[in-house]
Amino acid sequence: MKCAEVRDLLGNYMDGDLTERMMQRIEKHLLRCAECAYEARSMEQARDLLRRGVDHPMVSEQLGERILRQLAQRYPHLRTDQRDDEPLSLPFLPEE
């Protein structure tokens, strides 16, 4: 795999959202590529800090919904299987 491909998939890799074969390919790349391994460690540390540092929402629910609506309109390719009548929400990081 190329570094650009691995870096694009690091978030999905850390979430376990890839096929077993793809997970193994990325693991193999990370063992051989110090730059991508560093990127993966940095991303994991940032996620860990966010998990520990944000106990309460930092914006009002209304503002959060407005922002999520605008993001969904601007980037429709990122939208999940969410129905239009459901409120928008950000994915939560798994707790340790």
N, C-alpha and C. Protein backbone atom coordinates (compact mmCIF):
# COMPACT_ATOMS: atom_id res chain seq x y z
N MET A 1 0.85 -1.18 0.00
CA MET A 1 0.00 0.00 0.00
C MET A 1 0.89 1.24 0.00
N LYS A 2 0.35 2.29 -0.55
CA LYS A 2 1.07 3.56 -0.56
C LYS A 2 0.71 4.35 0.70
N CYS A 3 1.63 5.21 1.11
CA CYS A 3 1.43 6.01 2.32
C CYS A 3 0.14 6.83 2.26
N ALA A 4 -0.15 7.43 1.13
CA ALA A 4 -1.35 8.26 1.02
C ALA A 4 -2.61 7.43 1.26
N GLU A 5 -2.63 6.20 0.76
CA GLU A 5 -3.78 5.31 0.98
C GLU A 5 -3.93 4.97 2.46
N VAL A 6 -2.81 4.65 3.08
CA VAL A 6 -2.84 4.29 4.50
C VAL A 6 -3.33 5.46 5.33
N ARG A 7 -2.78 6.64 5.08
CA ARG A 7 -3.17 7.81 5.86
C ARG A 7 -4.65 8.16 5.68
N ASP A 8 -5.17 7.95 4.47
CA ASP A 8 -6.60 8.19 4.25
C ASP A 8 -7.47 7.23 5.04
N LEU A 9 -6.95 6.04 5.32
CA LEU A 9 -7.74 5.01 6.00
C LEU A 9 -7.43 4.85 7.48
N LEU A 10 -6.52 5.66 8.02
CA LEU A 10 -6.12 5.48 9.43
C LEU A 10 -7.30 5.59 10.40
N GLY A 11 -8.18 6.56 10.19
CA GLY A 11 -9.33 6.69 11.09
C GLY A 11 -10.20 5.45 11.07
N ASN A 12 -10.49 4.95 9.88
CA ASN A 12 -11.29 3.73 9.75
C ASN A 12 -10.55 2.53 10.35
N TYR A 13 -9.24 2.50 10.18
CA TYR A 13 -8.43 1.43 10.75
C TYR A 13 -8.53 1.44 12.27
N MET A 14 -8.40 2.61 12.87
CA MET A 14 -8.46 2.71 14.33
C MET A 14 -9.85 2.40 14.88
N ASP A 15 -10.86 2.65 14.07
CA ASP A 15 -12.23 2.33 14.48
C ASP A 15 -12.59 0.87 14.23
N GLY A 16 -11.71 0.16 13.50
CA GLY A 16 -12.01 -1.23 13.16
C GLY A 16 -13.07 -1.36 12.10
N ASP A 17 -13.21 -0.34 11.25
CA ASP A 17 -14.27 -0.31 10.25
C ASP A 17 -13.84 -0.84 8.88
N LEU A 18 -12.75 -1.58 8.83
CA LEU A 18 -12.24 -2.10 7.56
C LEU A 18 -12.33 -3.63 7.57
N THR A 19 -12.20 -4.19 6.39
CA THR A 19 -12.18 -5.66 6.31
C THR A 19 -10.92 -6.17 7.00
N GLU A 20 -10.96 -7.42 7.38
CA GLU A 20 -9.80 -8.03 8.04
C GLU A 20 -8.57 -7.95 7.15
N ARG A 21 -8.76 -8.20 5.86
CA ARG A 21 -7.64 -8.15 4.92
C ARG A 21 -7.04 -6.75 4.85
N MET A 22 -7.91 -5.73 4.81
CA MET A 22 -7.42 -4.35 4.74
C MET A 22 -6.72 -3.97 6.04
N MET A 23 -7.26 -4.42 7.17
CA MET A 23 -6.62 -4.14 8.46
C MET A 23 -5.20 -4.74 8.47
N GLN A 24 -5.06 -5.95 7.97
CA GLN A 24 -3.76 -6.61 7.94
C GLN A 24 -2.79 -5.89 7.01
N ARG A 25 -3.30 -5.42 5.87
CA ARG A 25 -2.43 -4.68 4.94
C ARG A 25 -1.91 -3.40 5.58
N ILE A 26 -2.79 -2.70 6.30
CA ILE A 26 -2.38 -1.46 6.94
C ILE A 26 -1.39 -1.76 8.07
N GLU A 27 -1.66 -2.78 8.87
CA GLU A 27 -0.73 -3.17 9.94
C GLU A 27 0.65 -3.49 9.37
N LYS A 28 0.68 -4.21 8.28
CA LYS A 28 1.95 -4.56 7.64
C LYS A 28 2.69 -3.30 7.18
N HIS A 29 1.95 -2.35 6.61
CA HIS A 29 2.55 -1.09 6.18
C HIS A 29 3.09 -0.31 7.37
N LEU A 30 2.32 -0.26 8.45
CA LEU A 30 2.75 0.49 9.63
C LEU A 30 4.02 -0.10 10.26
N LEU A 31 4.20 -1.40 10.13
CA LEU A 31 5.41 -2.03 10.65
C LEU A 31 6.65 -1.64 9.84
N ARG A 32 6.44 -1.32 8.57
CA ARG A 32 7.58 -1.00 7.70
C ARG A 32 7.78 0.48 7.46
N CYS A 33 6.79 1.31 7.76
CA CYS A 33 6.87 2.74 7.43
C CYS A 33 6.83 3.58 8.71
N ALA A 34 7.95 4.13 9.08
CA ALA A 34 8.04 4.91 10.31
C ALA A 34 7.17 6.16 10.26
N GLU A 35 7.07 6.79 9.09
CA GLU A 35 6.27 8.02 8.98
C GLU A 35 4.79 7.74 9.21
N CYS A 36 4.27 6.69 8.60
CA CYS A 36 2.86 6.37 8.79
C CYS A 36 2.59 5.86 10.21
N ALA A 37 3.54 5.12 10.77
CA ALA A 37 3.39 4.65 12.15
C ALA A 37 3.35 5.84 13.10
N TYR A 38 4.18 6.85 12.84
CA TYR A 38 4.17 8.07 13.65
C TYR A 38 2.82 8.77 13.52
N GLU A 39 2.31 8.86 12.30
CA GLU A 39 0.99 9.48 12.06
C GLU A 39 -0.10 8.74 12.82
N ALA A 40 -0.04 7.42 12.81
CA ALA A 40 -1.04 6.61 13.51
C ALA A 40 -0.96 6.83 15.02
N ARG A 41 0.26 6.86 15.56
CA ARG A 41 0.42 7.11 17.01
C ARG A 41 -0.08 8.51 17.37
N SER A 42 0.22 9.48 16.54
CA SER A 42 -0.22 10.85 16.80
C SER A 42 -1.73 10.95 16.79
N MET A 43 -2.35 10.28 15.83
CA MET A 43 -3.81 10.30 15.73
C MET A 43 -4.43 9.62 16.95
N GLU A 44 -3.87 8.51 17.36
CA GLU A 44 -4.39 7.80 18.53
C GLU A 44 -4.25 8.65 19.79
N GLN A 45 -3.13 9.33 19.94
CA GLN A 45 -2.93 10.21 21.10
C GLN A 45 -3.94 11.36 21.08
N ALA A 46 -4.19 11.94 19.91
CA ALA A 46 -5.16 13.03 19.80
C ALA A 46 -6.55 12.53 20.15
N ARG A 47 -6.92 11.36 19.68
CA ARG A 47 -8.23 10.79 20.00
C ARG A 47 -8.36 10.54 21.50
N ASP A 48 -7.29 10.03 22.09
CA ASP A 48 -7.29 9.76 23.53
C ASP A 48 -7.49 11.05 24.32
N LEU A 49 -6.78 12.11 23.93
CA LEU A 49 -6.93 13.40 24.61
C LEU A 49 -8.34 13.94 24.47
N LEU A 50 -8.91 13.80 23.30
CA LEU A 50 -10.29 14.26 23.09
C LEU A 50 -11.27 13.47 23.95
N ARG A 51 -11.07 12.16 24.01
CA ARG A 51 -11.96 11.33 24.83
C ARG A 51 -11.93 11.76 26.30
N ARG A 52 -10.73 12.04 26.80
CA ARG A 52 -10.58 12.39 28.20
C ARG A 52 -10.92 13.85 28.48
N GLY A 53 -10.77 14.71 27.50
CA GLY A 53 -10.88 16.14 27.75
C GLY A 53 -12.24 16.77 27.57
N VAL A 54 -13.15 16.09 26.90
CA VAL A 54 -14.45 16.70 26.61
C VAL A 54 -15.54 15.94 27.35
N ASP A 55 -15.90 16.46 28.53
CA ASP A 55 -16.96 15.82 29.31
C ASP A 55 -18.34 16.34 28.93
N HIS A 56 -18.39 17.59 28.51
CA HIS A 56 -19.67 18.22 28.20
C HIS A 56 -19.60 18.86 26.83
N PRO A 57 -20.72 18.91 26.11
CA PRO A 57 -20.71 19.58 24.81
C PRO A 57 -20.24 21.03 24.96
N MET A 58 -19.50 21.50 23.97
CA MET A 58 -18.96 22.85 24.03
C MET A 58 -19.83 23.85 23.28
N VAL A 59 -20.89 23.38 22.62
CA VAL A 59 -21.82 24.27 21.94
C VAL A 59 -23.24 23.85 22.31
N SER A 60 -24.17 24.76 22.09
CA SER A 60 -25.56 24.42 22.39
C SER A 60 -26.05 23.35 21.41
N GLU A 61 -27.08 22.64 21.81
CA GLU A 61 -27.64 21.59 20.96
C GLU A 61 -28.14 22.17 19.64
N GLN A 62 -28.75 23.35 19.69
CA GLN A 62 -29.27 23.98 18.48
C GLN A 62 -28.14 24.34 17.51
N LEU A 63 -27.07 24.91 18.03
CA LEU A 63 -25.94 25.26 17.17
C LEU A 63 -25.31 23.99 16.59
N GLY A 64 -25.16 22.97 17.41
CA GLY A 64 -24.61 21.71 16.92
C GLY A 64 -25.44 21.12 15.80
N GLU A 65 -26.76 21.14 15.95
CA GLU A 65 -27.65 20.62 14.90
C GLU A 65 -27.53 21.44 13.63
N ARG A 66 -27.44 22.76 13.78
CA ARG A 66 -27.31 23.63 12.61
C ARG A 66 -26.00 23.36 11.86
N ILE A 67 -24.93 23.20 12.60
CA ILE A 67 -23.64 22.91 11.99
C ILE A 67 -23.68 21.56 11.27
N LEU A 68 -24.24 20.54 11.94
CA LEU A 68 -24.32 19.22 11.32
C LEU A 68 -25.18 19.23 10.06
N ARG A 69 -26.27 19.99 10.07
CA ARG A 69 -27.13 20.11 8.90
C ARG A 69 -26.36 20.73 7.73
N GLN A 70 -25.59 21.80 8.03
CA GLN A 70 -24.81 22.45 6.98
C GLN A 70 -23.73 21.53 6.44
N LEU A 71 -23.09 20.78 7.32
CA LEU A 71 -22.07 19.82 6.86
C LEU A 71 -22.69 18.75 5.97
N ALA A 72 -23.86 18.25 6.35
CA ALA A 72 -24.53 17.22 5.56
C ALA A 72 -24.91 17.75 4.18
N GLN A 73 -25.30 19.03 4.11
CA GLN A 73 -25.64 19.62 2.82
C GLN A 73 -24.40 19.84 1.97
N ARG A 74 -23.34 20.29 2.60
CA ARG A 74 -22.12 20.61 1.85
C ARG A 74 -21.35 19.35 1.44
N TYR A 75 -21.41 18.32 2.27
CA TYR A 75 -20.67 17.09 2.00
C TYR A 75 -21.63 15.88 2.01
N PRO A 76 -22.52 15.80 1.05
CA PRO A 76 -23.52 14.71 1.07
C PRO A 76 -22.90 13.33 0.96
N HIS A 77 -21.70 13.22 0.41
CA HIS A 77 -21.05 11.92 0.27
C HIS A 77 -20.62 11.35 1.62
N LEU A 78 -20.59 12.18 2.66
CA LEU A 78 -20.23 11.71 4.00
C LEU A 78 -21.44 11.26 4.80
N ARG A 79 -22.61 11.52 4.29
CA ARG A 79 -23.84 11.20 5.01
C ARG A 79 -23.99 9.68 5.14
N THR A 80 -24.44 9.25 6.30
CA THR A 80 -24.65 7.82 6.54
C THR A 80 -26.06 7.43 6.13
N ASP A 81 -26.51 6.31 6.60
CA ASP A 81 -27.86 5.82 6.26
C ASP A 81 -28.94 6.50 7.08
N GLN A 82 -28.65 7.62 7.64
CA GLN A 82 -29.58 8.32 8.52
C GLN A 82 -30.79 8.82 7.73
N ARG A 83 -31.97 8.64 8.30
CA ARG A 83 -33.18 9.12 7.65
C ARG A 83 -33.29 10.62 7.84
N ASP A 84 -34.02 11.28 6.92
CA ASP A 84 -34.16 12.73 6.97
C ASP A 84 -34.92 13.21 8.21
N ASP A 85 -35.79 12.37 8.77
CA ASP A 85 -36.56 12.80 9.94
C ASP A 85 -35.80 12.59 11.25
N GLU A 86 -34.63 11.95 11.21
CA GLU A 86 -33.83 11.75 12.41
C GLU A 86 -32.92 12.95 12.62
N PRO A 87 -32.67 13.33 13.86
CA PRO A 87 -31.73 14.43 14.10
C PRO A 87 -30.32 13.99 13.72
N LEU A 88 -29.54 14.92 13.24
CA LEU A 88 -28.16 14.63 12.88
C LEU A 88 -27.32 14.49 14.14
N SER A 89 -26.32 13.65 14.08
CA SER A 89 -25.44 13.48 15.24
C SER A 89 -24.05 13.10 14.77
N LEU A 90 -23.08 13.46 15.58
CA LEU A 90 -21.71 13.07 15.31
C LEU A 90 -21.47 11.69 15.87
N PRO A 91 -20.59 10.91 15.24
CA PRO A 91 -20.27 9.60 15.82
C PRO A 91 -19.49 9.78 17.10
N PHE A 92 -19.75 8.95 18.08
CA PHE A 92 -19.03 9.02 19.34
C PHE A 92 -17.84 8.08 19.28
N LEU A 93 -16.75 8.51 19.89
CA LEU A 93 -15.59 7.65 19.98
C LEU A 93 -15.84 6.60 21.05
N PRO A 94 -15.37 5.39 20.84
CA PRO A 94 -15.59 4.36 21.86
C PRO A 94 -14.87 4.74 23.15
N GLU A 95 -15.51 4.42 24.26
CA GLU A 95 -14.90 4.70 25.56
C GLU A 95 -13.97 3.57 25.92
N GLU A 96 -12.96 3.91 26.68
CA GLU A 96 -11.99 2.88 27.08
C GLU A 96 -12.53 2.07 28.22
